Structure formats: C-alpha cells, structure tokens
Amino acid sequence: ARRIYWQQPFDQVLDHSNPPFARWFCGGKTNLCYNALDRWLESQPDSKALIAISTETNSEKVFTYKELHQEVNRAAAIMLS
C-alpha cells in the first residue's frame, strides 16, 4: 500500500471493530485509475502497460502507457457524446 500514490494517506490499515465487516486503509483517499495509468505517463510513457491477448482471434496487442492513455481518452469522449 505504501507504493501507491495516496491523495490523503491512510491512518489505519485495518479496522475490524465491527465483525464480520472490515474496513481497509481507513482515512485514506486514492485514485486507482491515476495509480494504474496516469502516474506513469511522464516517467515511462513508452513502457508496456497492457498486453491484450485474444484467444478467439489468436492475436496479441501491446499498449504502452502513452497508447493506452490515448485509447482511454478516446473511449471517454465516445461515452460523453
């Protein structure tokens, strides 16, 4: 968890005071999309980010962080139209 970028750091890893319910990383605030993609754009835009394998078409497509970011923005624009 310490390797993840936190907008607001957590102050407790696990709160198990109400079994069987548990709360993880209490007080913390993060953005999983930022951690998975955006934070790597500046430092390693041309590194492999995703390898998509299709057993139906027997094909493989490799996306760099830069390419994946462009595809995500394209999909977001289509969804907003």
PDB file of N, CA and C in Angstrom:
ATOM      1  N   ALA A   1       0.820  -1.195   0.000  1.00  0.00           N
ATOM      2  CA  ALA A   1       0.000   0.000   0.000  1.00  0.00           C
ATOM      3  C   ALA A   1       0.862   1.256   0.000  1.00  0.00           C
ATOM      4  N   ARG A   2       2.051   1.180   0.530  1.00  0.00           N
ATOM      5  CA  ARG A   2       2.915   2.363   0.573  1.00  0.00           C
ATOM      6  C   ARG A   2       3.477   2.706  -0.808  1.00  0.00           C
ATOM      7  N   ARG A   3       3.391   1.772  -1.762  1.00  0.00           N
ATOM      8  CA  ARG A   3       3.863   2.050  -3.120  1.00  0.00           C
ATOM      9  C   ARG A   3       2.813   2.782  -3.955  1.00  0.00           C
ATOM     10  N   ILE A   4       1.598   2.856  -3.457  1.00  0.00           N
ATOM     11  CA  ILE A   4       0.509   3.523  -4.152  1.00  0.00           C
ATOM     12  C   ILE A   4       0.545   5.008  -3.826  1.00  0.00           C
ATOM     13  N   TYR A   5       0.175   5.832  -4.794  1.00  0.00           N
ATOM     14  CA  TYR A   5       0.056   7.265  -4.530  1.00  0.00           C
ATOM     15  C   TYR A   5      -1.269   7.503  -3.811  1.00  0.00           C
ATOM     16  N   TRP A   6      -1.203   8.139  -2.668  1.00  0.00           N
ATOM     17  CA  TRP A   6      -2.395   8.460  -1.874  1.00  0.00           C
ATOM     18  C   TRP A   6      -2.600   9.973  -1.886  1.00  0.00           C
ATOM     19  N   GLN A   7      -3.789  10.409  -2.277  1.00  0.00           N
ATOM     20  CA  GLN A   7      -4.123  11.829  -2.206  1.00  0.00           C
ATOM     21  C   GLN A   7      -4.194  12.253  -0.745  1.00  0.00           C
ATOM     22  N   GLN A   8      -4.683  11.330   0.060  1.00  0.00           N
ATOM     23  CA  GLN A   8      -4.688  11.508   1.512  1.00  0.00           C
ATOM     24  C   GLN A   8      -4.248  10.180   2.114  1.00  0.00           C
ATOM     25  N   PRO A   9      -3.129  10.133   2.814  1.00  0.00           N
ATOM     26  CA  PRO A   9      -2.627   8.874   3.370  1.00  0.00           C
ATOM     27  C   PRO A   9      -3.587   8.259   4.394  1.00  0.00           C
ATOM     28  N   PHE A  10      -3.607   6.947   4.433  1.00  0.00           N
ATOM     29  CA  PHE A  10      -4.441   6.249   5.412  1.00  0.00           C
ATOM     30  C   PHE A  10      -3.784   6.337   6.780  1.00  0.00           C
ATOM     31  N   ASP A  11      -4.610   6.275   7.819  1.00  0.00           N
ATOM     32  CA  ASP A  11      -4.058   6.318   9.171  1.00  0.00           C
ATOM     33  C   ASP A  11      -4.221   4.996   9.914  1.00  0.00           C
ATOM     34  N   GLN A  12      -4.953   4.070   9.301  1.00  0.00           N
ATOM     35  CA  GLN A  12      -5.132   2.746   9.897  1.00  0.00           C
ATOM     36  C   GLN A  12      -5.279   1.742   8.769  1.00  0.00           C
ATOM     37  N   VAL A  13      -4.506   0.662   8.808  1.00  0.00           N
ATOM     38  CA  VAL A  13      -4.558  -0.330   7.736  1.00  0.00           C
ATOM     39  C   VAL A  13      -5.862  -1.119   7.779  1.00  0.00           C
ATOM     40  N   LEU A  14      -6.252  -1.603   8.938  1.00  0.00           N
ATOM     41  CA  LEU A  14      -7.447  -2.437   9.051  1.00  0.00           C
ATOM     42  C   LEU A  14      -8.259  -2.062  10.283  1.00  0.00           C
ATOM     43  N   ASP A  15      -9.551  -1.864  10.074  1.00  0.00           N
ATOM     44  CA  ASP A  15     -10.488  -1.646  11.175  1.00  0.00           C
ATOM     45  C   ASP A  15     -11.446  -2.827  11.175  1.00  0.00           C
ATOM     46  N   HIS A  16     -11.265  -3.705  12.130  1.00  0.00           N
ATOM     47  CA  HIS A  16     -12.102  -4.905  12.239  1.00  0.00           C
ATOM     48  C   HIS A  16     -12.943  -4.832  13.513  1.00  0.00           C
ATOM     49  N   SER A  17     -13.355  -3.620  13.872  1.00  0.00           N
ATOM     50  CA  SER A  17     -14.107  -3.409  15.113  1.00  0.00           C
ATOM     51  C   SER A  17     -15.576  -3.782  14.995  1.00  0.00           C
ATOM     52  N   ASN A  18     -16.056  -4.092  13.780  1.00  0.00           N
ATOM     53  CA  ASN A  18     -17.459  -4.439  13.567  1.00  0.00           C
ATOM     54  C   ASN A  18     -17.572  -5.742  12.773  1.00  0.00           C
ATOM     55  N   PRO A  19     -17.102  -6.881  13.357  1.00  0.00           N
ATOM     56  CA  PRO A  19     -17.130  -8.152  12.623  1.00  0.00           C
ATOM     57  C   PRO A  19     -18.566  -8.513  12.226  1.00  0.00           C
ATOM     58  N   PRO A  20     -18.776  -9.111  11.095  1.00  0.00           N
ATOM     59  CA  PRO A  20     -17.766  -9.639  10.163  1.00  0.00           C
ATOM     60  C   PRO A  20     -17.304  -8.617   9.137  1.00  0.00           C
ATOM     61  N   PHE A  21     -17.653  -7.365   9.333  1.00  0.00           N
ATOM     62  CA  PHE A  21     -17.277  -6.329   8.377  1.00  0.00           C
ATOM     63  C   PHE A  21     -15.896  -5.770   8.705  1.00  0.00           C
ATOM     64  N   ALA A  22     -15.150  -5.487   7.671  1.00  0.00           N
ATOM     65  CA  ALA A  22     -13.806  -4.925   7.846  1.00  0.00           C
ATOM     66  C   ALA A  22     -13.654  -3.724   6.923  1.00  0.00           C
ATOM     67  N   ARG A  23     -12.926  -2.746   7.384  1.00  0.00           N
ATOM     68  CA  ARG A  23     -12.604  -1.565   6.575  1.00  0.00           C
ATOM     69  C   ARG A  23     -11.089  -1.505   6.419  1.00  0.00           C
ATOM     70  N   TRP A  24     -10.639  -1.328   5.195  1.00  0.00           N
ATOM     71  CA  TRP A  24      -9.213  -1.306   4.893  1.00  0.00           C
ATOM     72  C   TRP A  24      -8.747   0.106   4.573  1.00  0.00           C
ATOM     73  N   PHE A  25      -7.533   0.435   4.968  1.00  0.00           N
ATOM     74  CA  PHE A  25      -6.874   1.703   4.668  1.00  0.00           C
ATOM     75  C   PHE A  25      -7.755   2.893   5.052  1.00  0.00           C
ATOM     76  N   CYS A  26      -8.175   2.863   6.289  1.00  0.00           N
ATOM     77  CA  CYS A  26      -9.102   3.862   6.833  1.00  0.00           C
ATOM     78  C   CYS A  26      -8.488   5.262   6.797  1.00  0.00           C
ATOM     79  N   GLY A  27      -9.308   6.197   6.359  1.00  0.00           N
ATOM     80  CA  GLY A  27      -8.876   7.588   6.287  1.00  0.00           C
ATOM     81  C   GLY A  27      -8.137   7.927   5.008  1.00  0.00           C
ATOM     82  N   GLY A  28      -7.787   6.917   4.224  1.00  0.00           N
ATOM     83  CA  GLY A  28      -7.029   7.166   3.004  1.00  0.00           C
ATOM     84  C   GLY A  28      -7.921   7.476   1.822  1.00  0.00           C
ATOM     85  N   LYS A  29      -7.356   8.220   0.895  1.00  0.00           N
ATOM     86  CA  LYS A  29      -8.069   8.546  -0.335  1.00  0.00           C
ATOM     87  C   LYS A  29      -7.085   8.407  -1.490  1.00  0.00           C
ATOM     88  N   THR A  30      -7.460   7.602  -2.482  1.00  0.00           N
ATOM     89  CA  THR A  30      -6.605   7.391  -3.638  1.00  0.00           C
ATOM     90  C   THR A  30      -7.455   7.314  -4.899  1.00  0.00           C
ATOM     91  N   ASN A  31      -6.810   7.281  -6.040  1.00  0.00           N
ATOM     92  CA  ASN A  31      -7.488   7.167  -7.321  1.00  0.00           C
ATOM     93  C   ASN A  31      -6.804   6.022  -8.063  1.00  0.00           C
ATOM     94  N   LEU A  32      -7.513   4.912  -8.204  1.00  0.00           N
ATOM     95  CA  LEU A  32      -6.908   3.725  -8.809  1.00  0.00           C
ATOM     96  C   LEU A  32      -6.554   3.940 -10.281  1.00  0.00           C
ATOM     97  N   CYS A  33      -7.362   4.702 -10.989  1.00  0.00           N
ATOM     98  CA  CYS A  33      -7.040   4.987 -12.399  1.00  0.00           C
ATOM     99  C   CYS A  33      -5.731   5.767 -12.510  1.00  0.00           C
ATOM    100  N   TYR A  34      -5.562   6.752 -11.640  1.00  0.00           N
ATOM    101  CA  TYR A  34      -4.321   7.522 -11.642  1.00  0.00           C
ATOM    102  C   TYR A  34      -3.137   6.600 -11.352  1.00  0.00           C
ATOM    103  N   ASN A  35      -3.265   5.740 -10.355  1.00  0.00           N
ATOM    104  CA  ASN A  35      -2.176   4.845  -9.984  1.00  0.00           C
ATOM    105  C   ASN A  35      -1.851   3.837 -11.081  1.00  0.00           C
ATOM    106  N   ALA A  36      -2.861   3.388 -11.808  1.00  0.00           N
ATOM    107  CA  ALA A  36      -2.640   2.376 -12.842  1.00  0.00           C
ATOM    108  C   ALA A  36      -2.078   2.945 -14.136  1.00  0.00           C
ATOM    109  N   LEU A  37      -2.417   4.195 -14.454  1.00  0.00           N
ATOM    110  CA  LEU A  37      -2.050   4.716 -15.765  1.00  0.00           C
ATOM    111  C   LEU A  37      -1.393   6.092 -15.728  1.00  0.00           C
ATOM    112  N   ASP A  38      -2.095   7.070 -15.230  1.00  0.00           N
ATOM    113  CA  ASP A  38      -1.647   8.459 -15.351  1.00  0.00           C
ATOM    114  C   ASP A  38      -0.296   8.744 -14.704  1.00  0.00           C
ATOM    115  N   ARG A  39      -0.029   8.140 -13.569  1.00  0.00           N
ATOM    116  CA  ARG A  39       1.217   8.458 -12.867  1.00  0.00           C
ATOM    117  C   ARG A  39       2.466   8.002 -13.627  1.00  0.00           C
ATOM    118  N   TRP A  40       2.297   7.101 -14.573  1.00  0.00           N
ATOM    119  CA  TRP A  40       3.438   6.569 -15.325  1.00  0.00           C
ATOM    120  C   TRP A  40       3.682   7.298 -16.632  1.00  0.00           C
ATOM    121  N   LEU A  41       2.766   8.155 -17.046  1.00  0.00           N
ATOM    122  CA  LEU A  41       2.893   8.824 -18.343  1.00  0.00           C
ATOM    123  C   LEU A  41       4.166   9.652 -18.475  1.00  0.00           C
ATOM    124  N   GLU A  42       4.530  10.366 -17.444  1.00  0.00           N
ATOM    125  CA  GLU A  42       5.709  11.230 -17.526  1.00  0.00           C
ATOM    126  C   GLU A  42       7.009  10.443 -17.428  1.00  0.00           C
ATOM    127  N   SER A  43       7.064   9.466 -16.533  1.00  0.00           N
ATOM    128  CA  SER A  43       8.330   8.776 -16.284  1.00  0.00           C
ATOM    129  C   SER A  43       8.619   7.625 -17.246  1.00  0.00           C
ATOM    130  N   GLN A  44       7.581   6.974 -17.772  1.00  0.00           N
ATOM    131  CA  GLN A  44       7.831   5.857 -18.692  1.00  0.00           C
ATOM    132  C   GLN A  44       6.692   5.682 -19.706  1.00  0.00           C
ATOM    133  N   PRO A  45       6.473   6.688 -20.543  1.00  0.00           N
ATOM    134  CA  PRO A  45       5.355   6.646 -21.487  1.00  0.00           C
ATOM    135  C   PRO A  45       5.453   5.532 -22.522  1.00  0.00           C
ATOM    136  N   ASP A  46       6.664   5.087 -22.839  1.00  0.00           N
ATOM    137  CA  ASP A  46       6.831   4.077 -23.878  1.00  0.00           C
ATOM    138  C   ASP A  46       7.036   2.663 -23.334  1.00  0.00           C
ATOM    139  N   SER A  47       6.834   2.486 -22.033  1.00  0.00           N
ATOM    140  CA  SER A  47       6.915   1.144 -21.438  1.00  0.00           C
ATOM    141  C   SER A  47       5.601   0.412 -21.636  1.00  0.00           C
ATOM    142  N   LYS A  48       5.665  -0.907 -21.639  1.00  0.00           N
ATOM    143  CA  LYS A  48       4.459  -1.714 -21.775  1.00  0.00           C
ATOM    144  C   LYS A  48       3.540  -1.501 -20.578  1.00  0.00           C
ATOM    145  N   ALA A  49       2.276  -1.214 -20.875  1.00  0.00           N
ATOM    146  CA  ALA A  49       1.284  -1.016 -19.826  1.00  0.00           C
ATOM    147  C   ALA A  49       0.260  -2.130 -19.825  1.00  0.00           C
ATOM    148  N   LEU A  50      -0.056  -2.657 -21.004  1.00  0.00           N
ATOM    149  CA  LEU A  50      -1.108  -3.662 -21.129  1.00  0.00           C
ATOM    150  C   LEU A  50      -0.794  -4.569 -22.307  1.00  0.00           C
ATOM    151  N   ILE A  51      -0.965  -5.843 -22.096  1.00  0.00           N
ATOM    152  CA  ILE A  51      -0.862  -6.813 -23.183  1.00  0.00           C
ATOM    153  C   ILE A  51      -2.214  -7.487 -23.279  1.00  0.00           C
ATOM    154  N   ALA A  52      -2.938  -7.204 -24.361  1.00  0.00           N
ATOM    155  CA  ALA A  52      -4.271  -7.768 -24.575  1.00  0.00           C
ATOM    156  C   ALA A  52      -4.139  -8.989 -25.472  1.00  0.00           C
ATOM    157  N   ILE A  53      -4.585 -10.127 -24.976  1.00  0.00           N
ATOM    158  CA  ILE A  53      -4.487 -11.381 -25.715  1.00  0.00           C
ATOM    159  C   ILE A  53      -5.887 -11.893 -26.009  1.00  0.00           C
ATOM    160  N   SER A  54      -6.148 -12.189 -27.284  1.00  0.00           N
ATOM    161  CA  SER A  54      -7.437 -12.739 -27.692  1.00  0.00           C
ATOM    162  C   SER A  54      -7.242 -14.173 -28.154  1.00  0.00           C
ATOM    163  N   THR A  55      -7.864 -15.092 -27.456  1.00  0.00           N
ATOM    164  CA  THR A  55      -7.802 -16.497 -27.887  1.00  0.00           C
ATOM    165  C   THR A  55      -8.786 -16.745 -29.032  1.00  0.00           C
ATOM    166  N   GLU A  56      -9.771 -15.872 -29.181  1.00  0.00           N
ATOM    167  CA  GLU A  56     -10.739 -16.022 -30.280  1.00  0.00           C
ATOM    168  C   GLU A  56     -10.121 -15.696 -31.620  1.00  0.00           C
ATOM    169  N   THR A  57      -9.303 -14.646 -31.673  1.00  0.00           N
ATOM    170  CA  THR A  57      -8.679 -14.252 -32.941  1.00  0.00           C
ATOM    171  C   THR A  57      -7.206 -14.646 -33.005  1.00  0.00           C
ATOM    172  N   ASN A  58      -6.721 -15.275 -31.927  1.00  0.00           N
ATOM    173  CA  ASN A  58      -5.325 -15.680 -31.843  1.00  0.00           C
ATOM    174  C   ASN A  58      -4.389 -14.496 -32.091  1.00  0.00           C
ATOM    175  N   SER A  59      -4.706 -13.383 -31.430  1.00  0.00           N
ATOM    176  CA  SER A  59      -3.901 -12.179 -31.618  1.00  0.00           C
ATOM    177  C   SER A  59      -3.477 -11.601 -30.275  1.00  0.00           C
ATOM    178  N   GLU A  60      -2.462 -10.748 -30.348  1.00  0.00           N
ATOM    179  CA  GLU A  60      -1.932 -10.093 -29.165  1.00  0.00           C
ATOM    180  C   GLU A  60      -1.648  -8.640 -29.515  1.00  0.00           C
ATOM    181  N   LYS A  61      -2.067  -7.723 -28.652  1.00  0.00           N
ATOM    182  CA  LYS A  61      -1.819  -6.296 -28.863  1.00  0.00           C
ATOM    183  C   LYS A  61      -1.169  -5.743 -27.609  1.00  0.00           C
ATOM    184  N   VAL A  62      -0.040  -5.064 -27.802  1.00  0.00           N
ATOM    185  CA  VAL A  62       0.691  -4.456 -26.692  1.00  0.00           C
ATOM    186  C   VAL A  62       0.441  -2.952 -26.728  1.00  0.00           C
ATOM    187  N   PHE A  63       0.060  -2.403 -25.589  1.00  0.00           N
ATOM    188  CA  PHE A  63      -0.153  -0.969 -25.456  1.00  0.00           C
ATOM    189  C   PHE A  63       0.897  -0.394 -24.511  1.00  0.00           C
ATOM    190  N   THR A  64       1.502   0.713 -24.901  1.00  0.00           N
ATOM    191  CA  THR A  64       2.366   1.442 -23.979  1.00  0.00           C
ATOM    192  C   THR A  64       1.458   2.320 -23.103  1.00  0.00           C
ATOM    193  N   TYR A  65       2.032   2.910 -22.075  1.00  0.00           N
ATOM    194  CA  TYR A  65       1.243   3.802 -21.234  1.00  0.00           C
ATOM    195  C   TYR A  65       0.681   4.954 -22.061  1.00  0.00           C
ATOM    196  N   LYS A  66       1.483   5.483 -22.974  1.00  0.00           N
ATOM    197  CA  LYS A  66       1.045   6.591 -23.824  1.00  0.00           C
ATOM    198  C   LYS A  66      -0.106   6.162 -24.727  1.00  0.00           C
ATOM    199  N   GLU A  67       0.024   4.998 -25.365  1.00  0.00           N
ATOM    200  CA  GLU A  67      -1.035   4.498 -26.246  1.00  0.00           C
ATOM    201  C   GLU A  67      -2.311   4.184 -25.470  1.00  0.00           C
ATOM    202  N   LEU A  68      -2.146   3.581 -24.315  1.00  0.00           N
ATOM    203  CA  LEU A  68      -3.306   3.238 -23.501  1.00  0.00           C
ATOM    204  C   LEU A  68      -4.031   4.495 -23.037  1.00  0.00           C
ATOM    205  N   HIS A  69      -3.270   5.516 -22.668  1.00  0.00           N
ATOM    206  CA  HIS A  69      -3.868   6.786 -22.256  1.00  0.00           C
ATOM    207  C   HIS A  69      -4.678   7.397 -23.403  1.00  0.00           C
ATOM    208  N   GLN A  70      -4.152   7.335 -24.611  1.00  0.00           N
ATOM    209  CA  GLN A  70      -4.877   7.859 -25.770  1.00  0.00           C
ATOM    210  C   GLN A  70      -6.165   7.077 -26.007  1.00  0.00           C
ATOM    211  N   GLU A  71      -6.109   5.763 -25.869  1.00  0.00           N
ATOM    212  CA  GLU A  71      -7.298   4.922 -26.064  1.00  0.00           C
ATOM    213  C   GLU A  71      -8.355   5.209 -24.997  1.00  0.00           C
ATOM    214  N   VAL A  72      -7.925   5.379 -23.756  1.00  0.00           N
ATOM    215  CA  VAL A  72      -8.860   5.675 -22.669  1.00  0.00           C
ATOM    216  C   VAL A  72      -9.549   7.013 -22.926  1.00  0.00           C
ATOM    217  N   ASN A  73      -8.768   8.054 -23.326  1.00  0.00           N
ATOM    218  CA  ASN A  73      -9.377   9.366 -23.633  1.00  0.00           C
ATOM    219  C   ASN A  73     -10.349   9.263 -24.796  1.00  0.00           C
ATOM    220  N   ARG A  74     -10.012   8.426 -25.799  1.00  0.00           N
ATOM    221  CA  ARG A  74     -10.896   8.235 -26.956  1.00  0.00           C
ATOM    222  C   ARG A  74     -12.200   7.579 -26.518  1.00  0.00           C
ATOM    223  N   ALA A  75     -12.115   6.542 -25.695  1.00  0.00           N
ATOM    224  CA  ALA A  75     -13.327   5.853 -25.213  1.00  0.00           C
ATOM    225  C   ALA A  75     -14.172   6.784 -24.357  1.00  0.00           C
ATOM    226  N   ALA A  76     -13.518   7.608 -23.538  1.00  0.00           N
ATOM    227  CA  ALA A  76     -14.250   8.554 -22.683  1.00  0.00           C
ATOM    228  C   ALA A  76     -14.993   9.571 -23.544  1.00  0.00           C
ATOM    229  N   ALA A  77     -14.374  10.034 -24.615  1.00  0.00           N
ATOM    230  CA  ALA A  77     -15.009  11.020 -25.494  1.00  0.00           C
ATOM    231  C   ALA A  77     -16.228  10.418 -26.173  1.00  0.00           C
ATOM    232  N   ILE A  78     -16.149   9.133 -26.577  1.00  0.00           N
ATOM    233  CA  ILE A  78     -17.287   8.448 -27.224  1.00  0.00           C
ATOM    234  C   ILE A  78     -18.427   8.308 -26.220  1.00  0.00           C
ATOM    235  N   MET A  79     -18.084   7.976 -24.976  1.00  0.00           N
ATOM    236  CA  MET A  79     -19.127   7.776 -23.953  1.00  0.00           C
ATOM    237  C   MET A  79     -19.808   9.098 -23.596  1.00  0.00           C
ATOM    238  N   LEU A  80     -19.095  10.203 -23.712  1.00  0.00           N
ATOM    239  CA  LEU A  80     -19.663  11.502 -23.367  1.00  0.00           C
ATOM    240  C   LEU A  80     -20.522  12.077 -24.501  1.00  0.00           C
ATOM    241  N   SER A  81     -20.338  11.556 -25.736  1.00  0.00           N
ATOM    242  CA  SER A  81     -21.116  12.093 -26.851  1.00  0.00           C
ATOM    243  C   SER A  81     -22.520  11.548 -26.887  1.00  0.00           C
TER     244      SER A  81
END
